[in-house]
Amino acid sequence: MKIILSETRDIKPKDIMRLYKANKWSSVNKPVELYKALINSHSLITAWNNEDLIGLGNAISDGHLVVYYPHLLIDPNYQGKGIGQMIMDKMQEKYKDFHMQMLTADGKAIDFYLKSGFEKAGNTQPMWIYNGTEH
């Protein structure tokens, strides 16, 4: 297995849908919007095993002070192999000097992000208007 990371925008919607379905993320139910959101992100890092999309992470940013990481998904067959960390490391190359890096995590993702250097944001309370049931 040879994992290749890419900052490409040349990604096919069918590859994205397969990855999101495999992870049971509800945004797969809005395929057009999901595709547009990803390709218009400030950054999009993809992970490939040959021709197979096995992971991706994106960032939304003002380009100077603040970055938000909304999605980091790894194909369940490839989880636990360091691919998510490789994607986060690539993001850190770009955003390490920003004033604020933000994300929302739940479940198993919390431990992953803690190991990646993130911490609970003081006494803040996560809030959202969300039209989904999971991710």
N, C-alpha and C. Protein backbone atom coordinates (compact mmCIF):
# COMPACT_ATOMS: atom_id res chain seq x y z
N MET A 1 0.85 -1.18 0.00
CA MET A 1 0.00 0.00 0.00
C MET A 1 0.90 1.24 0.00
N LYS A 2 0.67 2.11 -0.97
CA LYS A 2 1.41 3.37 -1.05
C LYS A 2 0.38 4.51 -1.01
N ILE A 3 0.40 5.27 0.07
CA ILE A 3 -0.54 6.37 0.26
C ILE A 3 0.08 7.64 -0.33
N ILE A 4 -0.69 8.32 -1.15
CA ILE A 4 -0.27 9.58 -1.73
C ILE A 4 -1.24 10.67 -1.30
N LEU A 5 -0.70 11.75 -0.73
CA LEU A 5 -1.53 12.91 -0.38
C LEU A 5 -1.47 13.90 -1.54
N SER A 6 -2.59 14.56 -1.77
CA SER A 6 -2.68 15.51 -2.86
C SER A 6 -3.50 16.72 -2.46
N GLU A 7 -3.08 17.88 -2.90
CA GLU A 7 -3.88 19.10 -2.74
C GLU A 7 -4.55 19.38 -4.07
N THR A 8 -5.33 18.42 -4.51
CA THR A 8 -5.93 18.50 -5.83
C THR A 8 -7.39 18.89 -5.77
N ARG A 9 -7.85 19.53 -6.78
CA ARG A 9 -9.27 19.82 -6.92
C ARG A 9 -9.86 18.90 -7.98
N ASP A 10 -9.04 18.03 -8.53
CA ASP A 10 -9.48 17.11 -9.56
C ASP A 10 -9.96 15.81 -8.90
N ILE A 11 -11.11 15.90 -8.30
CA ILE A 11 -11.67 14.78 -7.55
C ILE A 11 -13.08 14.53 -8.08
N LYS A 12 -13.40 13.29 -8.29
CA LYS A 12 -14.70 12.94 -8.88
C LYS A 12 -15.77 12.82 -7.80
N PRO A 13 -16.98 13.34 -8.10
CA PRO A 13 -18.07 13.23 -7.13
C PRO A 13 -18.33 11.80 -6.68
N LYS A 14 -18.22 10.82 -7.57
CA LYS A 14 -18.49 9.43 -7.19
C LYS A 14 -17.50 8.94 -6.13
N ASP A 15 -16.26 9.41 -6.20
CA ASP A 15 -15.27 9.03 -5.18
C ASP A 15 -15.62 9.62 -3.82
N ILE A 16 -16.06 10.88 -3.84
CA ILE A 16 -16.46 11.55 -2.60
C ILE A 16 -17.67 10.84 -1.99
N MET A 17 -18.67 10.54 -2.80
CA MET A 17 -19.89 9.90 -2.30
C MET A 17 -19.59 8.53 -1.69
N ARG A 18 -18.70 7.77 -2.33
CA ARG A 18 -18.34 6.46 -1.79
C ARG A 18 -17.72 6.61 -0.40
N LEU A 19 -16.80 7.58 -0.25
CA LEU A 19 -16.13 7.79 1.03
C LEU A 19 -17.11 8.23 2.11
N TYR A 20 -18.01 9.15 1.78
CA TYR A 20 -18.98 9.65 2.76
C TYR A 20 -20.01 8.57 3.13
N LYS A 21 -20.41 7.77 2.15
CA LYS A 21 -21.33 6.65 2.44
C LYS A 21 -20.66 5.64 3.37
N ALA A 22 -19.41 5.33 3.10
CA ALA A 22 -18.68 4.36 3.92
C ALA A 22 -18.59 4.82 5.37
N ASN A 23 -18.56 6.14 5.57
CA ASN A 23 -18.47 6.69 6.93
C ASN A 23 -19.83 7.07 7.51
N LYS A 24 -20.89 6.86 6.73
CA LYS A 24 -22.27 7.12 7.17
C LYS A 24 -22.48 8.58 7.56
N TRP A 25 -21.90 9.50 6.80
CA TRP A 25 -22.10 10.93 7.04
C TRP A 25 -23.33 11.39 6.28
N SER A 26 -24.19 12.15 6.93
CA SER A 26 -25.45 12.57 6.33
C SER A 26 -25.27 13.55 5.19
N SER A 27 -24.14 14.22 5.09
CA SER A 27 -23.93 15.15 3.98
C SER A 27 -23.91 14.45 2.63
N VAL A 28 -23.78 13.14 2.63
CA VAL A 28 -23.85 12.38 1.38
C VAL A 28 -25.24 12.54 0.74
N ASN A 29 -26.24 12.91 1.55
CA ASN A 29 -27.60 13.10 1.03
C ASN A 29 -27.75 14.40 0.24
N LYS A 30 -26.72 15.22 0.23
CA LYS A 30 -26.71 16.46 -0.55
C LYS A 30 -25.47 16.44 -1.44
N PRO A 31 -25.43 15.54 -2.43
CA PRO A 31 -24.20 15.32 -3.19
C PRO A 31 -23.70 16.54 -3.96
N VAL A 32 -24.58 17.31 -4.55
CA VAL A 32 -24.16 18.49 -5.32
C VAL A 32 -23.55 19.52 -4.38
N GLU A 33 -24.23 19.79 -3.28
CA GLU A 33 -23.74 20.77 -2.31
C GLU A 33 -22.43 20.32 -1.67
N LEU A 34 -22.34 19.04 -1.34
CA LEU A 34 -21.13 18.50 -0.73
C LEU A 34 -19.95 18.66 -1.68
N TYR A 35 -20.13 18.29 -2.92
CA TYR A 35 -19.05 18.41 -3.90
C TYR A 35 -18.60 19.87 -4.04
N LYS A 36 -19.56 20.78 -4.20
CA LYS A 36 -19.23 22.20 -4.33
C LYS A 36 -18.52 22.72 -3.08
N ALA A 37 -18.99 22.30 -1.91
CA ALA A 37 -18.37 22.75 -0.66
C ALA A 37 -16.91 22.30 -0.59
N LEU A 38 -16.65 21.06 -0.95
CA LEU A 38 -15.28 20.55 -0.86
C LEU A 38 -14.35 21.23 -1.86
N ILE A 39 -14.78 21.32 -3.12
CA ILE A 39 -13.86 21.88 -4.11
C ILE A 39 -13.68 23.39 -3.95
N ASN A 40 -14.57 24.04 -3.22
CA ASN A 40 -14.43 25.47 -2.96
C ASN A 40 -13.84 25.78 -1.59
N SER A 41 -13.38 24.76 -0.90
CA SER A 41 -12.73 24.96 0.40
C SER A 41 -11.44 25.74 0.22
N HIS A 42 -10.99 26.37 1.29
CA HIS A 42 -9.70 27.06 1.26
C HIS A 42 -8.59 26.05 0.98
N SER A 43 -8.69 24.86 1.59
CA SER A 43 -7.76 23.76 1.35
C SER A 43 -8.54 22.45 1.30
N LEU A 44 -8.10 21.57 0.44
CA LEU A 44 -8.65 20.22 0.36
C LEU A 44 -7.47 19.27 0.16
N ILE A 45 -7.27 18.41 1.14
CA ILE A 45 -6.20 17.42 1.08
C ILE A 45 -6.86 16.05 0.89
N THR A 46 -6.43 15.33 -0.11
CA THR A 46 -6.98 14.00 -0.36
C THR A 46 -5.89 12.96 -0.18
N ALA A 47 -6.29 11.75 0.21
CA ALA A 47 -5.38 10.62 0.36
C ALA A 47 -5.83 9.52 -0.59
N TRP A 48 -4.88 8.97 -1.31
CA TRP A 48 -5.16 7.98 -2.35
C TRP A 48 -4.31 6.74 -2.16
N ASN A 49 -4.90 5.58 -2.43
CA ASN A 49 -4.18 4.32 -2.56
C ASN A 49 -4.41 3.92 -4.01
N ASN A 50 -3.41 4.14 -4.85
CA ASN A 50 -3.55 3.98 -6.30
C ASN A 50 -4.65 4.93 -6.78
N GLU A 51 -5.71 4.40 -7.36
CA GLU A 51 -6.80 5.23 -7.88
C GLU A 51 -7.95 5.39 -6.89
N ASP A 52 -7.81 4.80 -5.70
CA ASP A 52 -8.90 4.83 -4.72
C ASP A 52 -8.73 5.98 -3.73
N LEU A 53 -9.78 6.82 -3.64
CA LEU A 53 -9.81 7.87 -2.62
C LEU A 53 -10.07 7.20 -1.28
N ILE A 54 -9.12 7.34 -0.36
CA ILE A 54 -9.26 6.66 0.94
C ILE A 54 -9.37 7.64 2.10
N GLY A 55 -9.26 8.94 1.80
CA GLY A 55 -9.40 9.92 2.87
C GLY A 55 -9.38 11.32 2.33
N LEU A 56 -9.92 12.24 3.14
CA LEU A 56 -9.85 13.65 2.78
C LEU A 56 -10.06 14.50 4.01
N GLY A 57 -9.55 15.70 3.94
CA GLY A 57 -9.76 16.71 4.96
C GLY A 57 -9.85 18.06 4.27
N ASN A 58 -10.69 18.93 4.79
CA ASN A 58 -10.79 20.25 4.20
C ASN A 58 -10.71 21.32 5.27
N ALA A 59 -10.44 22.54 4.81
CA ALA A 59 -10.33 23.70 5.70
C ALA A 59 -11.08 24.87 5.08
N ILE A 60 -11.75 25.60 5.94
CA ILE A 60 -12.41 26.85 5.56
C ILE A 60 -11.68 27.94 6.34
N SER A 61 -11.28 29.00 5.63
CA SER A 61 -10.45 30.00 6.29
C SER A 61 -10.62 31.38 5.69
N ASP A 62 -10.30 32.40 6.51
CA ASP A 62 -10.21 33.76 5.99
C ASP A 62 -8.85 33.98 5.33
N GLY A 63 -7.98 32.99 5.45
CA GLY A 63 -6.67 33.05 4.81
C GLY A 63 -5.60 33.76 5.61
N HIS A 64 -5.94 34.25 6.79
CA HIS A 64 -4.96 35.02 7.55
C HIS A 64 -4.94 34.70 9.05
N LEU A 65 -6.11 34.68 9.69
CA LEU A 65 -6.15 34.52 11.14
C LEU A 65 -6.82 33.24 11.61
N VAL A 66 -7.91 32.86 10.97
CA VAL A 66 -8.76 31.79 11.48
C VAL A 66 -8.94 30.70 10.42
N VAL A 67 -8.88 29.47 10.87
CA VAL A 67 -9.17 28.32 10.02
C VAL A 67 -10.09 27.37 10.78
N TYR A 68 -11.03 26.80 10.07
CA TYR A 68 -11.96 25.82 10.63
C TYR A 68 -11.84 24.55 9.80
N TYR A 69 -11.74 23.43 10.48
CA TYR A 69 -11.63 22.13 9.83
C TYR A 69 -12.96 21.39 9.94
N PRO A 70 -13.81 21.44 8.92
CA PRO A 70 -15.12 20.81 9.04
C PRO A 70 -15.14 19.31 8.80
N HIS A 71 -14.30 18.79 7.89
CA HIS A 71 -14.36 17.37 7.54
C HIS A 71 -12.98 16.74 7.54
N LEU A 72 -12.90 15.59 8.15
CA LEU A 72 -11.74 14.71 8.04
C LEU A 72 -12.30 13.30 8.06
N LEU A 73 -12.25 12.64 6.91
CA LEU A 73 -12.81 11.29 6.79
C LEU A 73 -11.76 10.35 6.22
N ILE A 74 -11.70 9.17 6.78
CA ILE A 74 -10.83 8.11 6.28
C ILE A 74 -11.71 6.90 6.03
N ASP A 75 -11.50 6.24 4.91
CA ASP A 75 -12.23 5.01 4.61
C ASP A 75 -12.08 4.07 5.80
N PRO A 76 -13.19 3.49 6.28
CA PRO A 76 -13.10 2.60 7.46
C PRO A 76 -12.08 1.47 7.30
N ASN A 77 -11.83 1.01 6.09
CA ASN A 77 -10.84 -0.06 5.86
C ASN A 77 -9.41 0.42 6.04
N TYR A 78 -9.21 1.73 6.11
CA TYR A 78 -7.87 2.30 6.23
C TYR A 78 -7.67 3.06 7.53
N GLN A 79 -8.67 3.10 8.40
CA GLN A 79 -8.54 3.83 9.65
C GLN A 79 -7.52 3.16 10.56
N GLY A 80 -6.86 3.96 11.38
CA GLY A 80 -5.87 3.44 12.31
C GLY A 80 -4.50 3.23 11.69
N LYS A 81 -4.30 3.72 10.48
CA LYS A 81 -3.02 3.54 9.78
C LYS A 81 -2.23 4.84 9.66
N GLY A 82 -2.68 5.90 10.35
CA GLY A 82 -1.96 7.16 10.35
C GLY A 82 -2.31 8.12 9.22
N ILE A 83 -3.30 7.78 8.41
CA ILE A 83 -3.66 8.62 7.27
C ILE A 83 -4.29 9.93 7.73
N GLY A 84 -5.17 9.88 8.71
CA GLY A 84 -5.76 11.09 9.25
C GLY A 84 -4.69 12.02 9.80
N GLN A 85 -3.71 11.46 10.47
CA GLN A 85 -2.62 12.27 11.01
C GLN A 85 -1.79 12.89 9.89
N MET A 86 -1.59 12.13 8.82
CA MET A 86 -0.85 12.67 7.67
C MET A 86 -1.59 13.89 7.08
N ILE A 87 -2.91 13.79 7.00
CA ILE A 87 -3.70 14.90 6.47
C ILE A 87 -3.62 16.10 7.41
N MET A 88 -3.75 15.86 8.72
CA MET A 88 -3.66 16.96 9.69
C MET A 88 -2.26 17.58 9.67
N ASP A 89 -1.23 16.78 9.51
CA ASP A 89 0.13 17.32 9.43
C ASP A 89 0.26 18.25 8.23
N LYS A 90 -0.33 17.86 7.12
CA LYS A 90 -0.31 18.70 5.91
C LYS A 90 -1.05 20.01 6.16
N MET A 91 -2.18 19.94 6.86
CA MET A 91 -2.91 21.15 7.20
C MET A 91 -2.07 22.05 8.10
N GLN A 92 -1.35 21.44 9.05
CA GLN A 92 -0.53 22.22 9.96
C GLN A 92 0.62 22.93 9.24
N GLU A 93 1.12 22.33 8.17
CA GLU A 93 2.14 23.00 7.38
C GLU A 93 1.62 24.35 6.89
N LYS A 94 0.36 24.39 6.54
CA LYS A 94 -0.23 25.60 5.97
C LYS A 94 -0.75 26.57 7.03
N TYR A 95 -1.33 26.05 8.11
CA TYR A 95 -2.06 26.89 9.05
C TYR A 95 -1.43 27.02 10.44
N LYS A 96 -0.26 26.47 10.65
CA LYS A 96 0.33 26.43 12.00
C LYS A 96 0.49 27.80 12.65
N ASP A 97 0.68 28.85 11.86
CA ASP A 97 0.91 30.17 12.43
C ASP A 97 -0.36 31.01 12.54
N PHE A 98 -1.51 30.42 12.25
CA PHE A 98 -2.77 31.17 12.34
C PHE A 98 -3.12 31.42 13.81
N HIS A 99 -3.82 32.49 14.04
CA HIS A 99 -4.23 32.87 15.40
C HIS A 99 -5.16 31.83 16.03
N MET A 100 -6.07 31.25 15.23
CA MET A 100 -7.02 30.29 15.78
C MET A 100 -7.30 29.19 14.76
N GLN A 101 -7.21 27.95 15.24
CA GLN A 101 -7.60 26.78 14.47
C GLN A 101 -8.75 26.13 15.22
N MET A 102 -9.85 25.89 14.52
CA MET A 102 -11.06 25.41 15.19
C MET A 102 -11.59 24.15 14.51
N LEU A 103 -12.30 23.35 15.30
CA LEU A 103 -13.04 22.22 14.77
C LEU A 103 -14.05 21.76 15.79
N THR A 104 -14.96 20.94 15.35
CA THR A 104 -15.93 20.31 16.24
C THR A 104 -15.70 18.81 16.15
N ALA A 105 -15.56 18.16 17.29
CA ALA A 105 -15.28 16.71 17.30
C ALA A 105 -16.24 16.02 18.24
N ASP A 106 -16.56 14.77 17.90
CA ASP A 106 -17.33 13.93 18.81
C ASP A 106 -16.84 12.50 18.70
N GLY A 107 -17.31 11.68 19.61
CA GLY A 107 -16.97 10.25 19.58
C GLY A 107 -15.47 10.00 19.60
N LYS A 108 -15.04 9.03 18.77
CA LYS A 108 -13.63 8.65 18.69
C LYS A 108 -12.74 9.77 18.19
N ALA A 109 -13.32 10.72 17.46
CA ALA A 109 -12.53 11.82 16.91
C ALA A 109 -11.92 12.70 17.99
N ILE A 110 -12.56 12.76 19.15
CA ILE A 110 -12.04 13.62 20.23
C ILE A 110 -10.63 13.20 20.61
N ASP A 111 -10.40 11.93 20.84
CA ASP A 111 -9.05 11.46 21.21
C ASP A 111 -8.05 11.72 20.09
N PHE A 112 -8.46 11.53 18.85
CA PHE A 112 -7.58 11.78 17.72
C PHE A 112 -7.11 13.24 17.73
N TYR A 113 -8.05 14.17 17.88
CA TYR A 113 -7.69 15.59 17.84
C TYR A 113 -6.89 16.01 19.07
N LEU A 114 -7.17 15.43 20.23
CA LEU A 114 -6.35 15.71 21.41
C LEU A 114 -4.91 15.30 21.15
N LYS A 115 -4.70 14.14 20.55
CA LYS A 115 -3.35 13.68 20.23
C LYS A 115 -2.69 14.57 19.17
N SER A 116 -3.51 15.26 18.39
CA SER A 116 -2.99 16.15 17.33
C SER A 116 -2.72 17.56 17.84
N GLY A 117 -2.90 17.77 19.15
CA GLY A 117 -2.56 19.06 19.74
C GLY A 117 -3.74 19.99 20.01
N PHE A 118 -4.94 19.58 19.65
CA PHE A 118 -6.12 20.40 19.93
C PHE A 118 -6.53 20.20 21.38
N GLU A 119 -7.23 21.17 21.93
CA GLU A 119 -7.73 21.06 23.29
C GLU A 119 -9.12 21.66 23.37
N LYS A 120 -9.83 21.31 24.41
CA LYS A 120 -11.16 21.87 24.63
C LYS A 120 -11.04 23.39 24.73
N ALA A 121 -11.96 24.08 24.11
CA ALA A 121 -11.88 25.54 24.02
C ALA A 121 -12.47 26.20 25.26
N GLY A 122 -11.71 26.20 26.34
CA GLY A 122 -12.15 26.87 27.56
C GLY A 122 -13.51 26.40 28.02
N ASN A 123 -14.39 27.35 28.30
CA ASN A 123 -15.75 27.02 28.74
C ASN A 123 -16.76 27.23 27.62
N THR A 124 -16.30 27.22 26.38
CA THR A 124 -17.21 27.45 25.26
C THR A 124 -18.20 26.30 25.13
N GLN A 125 -19.31 26.60 24.53
CA GLN A 125 -20.37 25.62 24.31
C GLN A 125 -20.59 25.48 22.80
N PRO A 126 -20.45 24.27 22.24
CA PRO A 126 -20.72 24.12 20.82
C PRO A 126 -22.19 24.44 20.53
N MET A 127 -22.40 25.14 19.42
CA MET A 127 -23.77 25.51 19.03
C MET A 127 -23.87 25.38 17.52
N TRP A 128 -25.06 25.05 17.03
CA TRP A 128 -25.27 24.98 15.60
C TRP A 128 -26.73 24.99 15.24
N ILE A 129 -26.99 25.31 14.01
CA ILE A 129 -28.26 25.05 13.35
C ILE A 129 -27.91 23.98 12.34
N TYR A 130 -28.43 22.80 12.51
CA TYR A 130 -27.95 21.65 11.76
C TYR A 130 -29.11 20.85 11.23
N ASN A 131 -29.10 20.60 9.94
CA ASN A 131 -30.14 19.83 9.30
C ASN A 131 -29.63 18.44 8.97
N GLY A 132 -29.33 17.68 9.99
CA GLY A 132 -28.82 16.33 9.81
C GLY A 132 -28.93 15.59 11.11
N THR A 133 -28.59 14.32 11.07
CA THR A 133 -28.64 13.53 12.29
C THR A 133 -27.25 13.14 12.76
N GLU A 134 -26.31 13.06 11.86
CA GLU A 134 -24.95 12.64 12.19
C GLU A 134 -24.02 13.23 11.13
N HIS A 135 -23.07 14.02 11.50
CA HIS A 135 -22.06 14.61 10.61
C HIS A 135 -22.71 15.26 9.42
